[in-house]
Amino acid sequence: MILSYIRGEIMGFWYFLILFVGLFLVIKGLLRKKRLSLIFIGLLCISFSIFMFSPGSDEIISRLFNLK
């Protein structure tokens, strides 16, 4: 039980890191004109991290990759 709690905290750290990387890429893409690729990749990172923070995302991922 404690191990799964620690694993959840570690995964939350990585989701926050992906979120901040996405924000950084979007801001950097907006500051430099015509860097649509940075904005797109940043938005993908942000949307992925928000999806992974939502409840039930672990079940969707496990069904997608046939983990259970």
Protein backbone atom coordinates (compact mmCIF):
# COMPACT_ATOMS: atom_id res chain seq x y z
CA MET A 1 0.00 0.00 0.00
CA ILE A 2 2.77 2.44 0.86
CA LEU A 3 4.65 1.57 -2.32
CA SER A 4 1.64 2.38 -4.51
CA TYR A 5 1.22 5.70 -2.67
CA ILE A 6 4.88 6.57 -3.28
CA ARG A 7 4.58 5.49 -6.92
CA GLY A 8 1.56 7.80 -7.31
CA GLU A 9 3.52 10.73 -5.94
CA ILE A 10 6.41 10.03 -8.29
CA MET A 11 4.11 9.80 -11.30
CA GLY A 12 2.46 13.07 -10.25
CA PHE A 13 5.89 14.67 -10.27
CA TRP A 14 6.47 13.55 -13.86
CA TYR A 15 3.04 14.81 -14.95
CA PHE A 16 3.81 18.20 -13.43
CA LEU A 17 7.17 18.21 -15.17
CA ILE A 18 5.50 17.48 -18.52
CA LEU A 19 2.99 20.25 -17.80
CA PHE A 20 5.73 22.80 -17.10
CA VAL A 21 7.74 21.74 -20.14
CA GLY A 22 4.61 22.21 -22.24
CA LEU A 23 4.02 25.66 -20.77
CA PHE A 24 7.63 26.58 -21.41
CA LEU A 25 7.41 25.45 -25.05
CA VAL A 26 4.19 27.36 -25.65
CA ILE A 27 5.60 30.55 -24.14
CA LYS A 28 8.84 30.19 -26.07
CA GLY A 29 6.90 29.53 -29.27
CA LEU A 30 4.74 32.61 -28.72
CA LEU A 31 7.71 34.86 -28.02
CA ARG A 32 9.45 33.77 -31.21
CA LYS A 33 7.30 34.50 -34.20
CA LYS A 34 6.42 31.66 -36.58
CA ARG A 35 7.42 28.81 -34.27
CA LEU A 36 4.20 26.87 -34.66
CA SER A 37 5.93 23.53 -34.01
CA LEU A 38 6.96 24.57 -30.47
CA ILE A 39 3.43 25.71 -29.72
CA PHE A 40 1.95 22.46 -31.06
CA ILE A 41 4.34 20.23 -29.10
CA GLY A 42 3.75 22.32 -25.97
CA LEU A 43 -0.02 21.99 -26.31
CA LEU A 44 0.36 18.23 -26.75
CA CYS A 45 2.41 18.03 -23.54
CA ILE A 46 -0.12 20.13 -21.64
CA SER A 47 -3.09 18.11 -22.87
CA PHE A 48 -1.34 14.81 -22.06
CA SER A 49 -0.50 15.88 -18.52
CA ILE A 50 -4.03 17.18 -17.87
CA PHE A 51 -5.44 13.90 -19.20
CA MET A 52 -3.15 11.86 -16.94
CA PHE A 53 -4.21 13.92 -13.90
CA SER A 54 -7.89 13.18 -14.56
CA PRO A 55 -9.56 10.36 -12.63
CA GLY A 56 -9.88 7.11 -14.57
CA SER A 57 -7.01 7.81 -16.94
CA ASP A 58 -5.11 4.78 -15.63
CA GLU A 59 -7.97 2.51 -16.70
CA ILE A 60 -8.05 4.05 -20.19
CA ILE A 61 -4.30 3.59 -20.62
CA SER A 62 -4.40 0.01 -19.33
CA ARG A 63 -7.20 -0.87 -21.76
CA LEU A 64 -5.39 0.87 -24.61
CA PHE A 65 -2.21 -1.13 -24.09
CA ASN A 66 -3.94 -4.34 -22.86
CA LEU A 67 -2.11 -4.28 -19.52
CA LYS A 68 -4.75 -6.17 -17.51
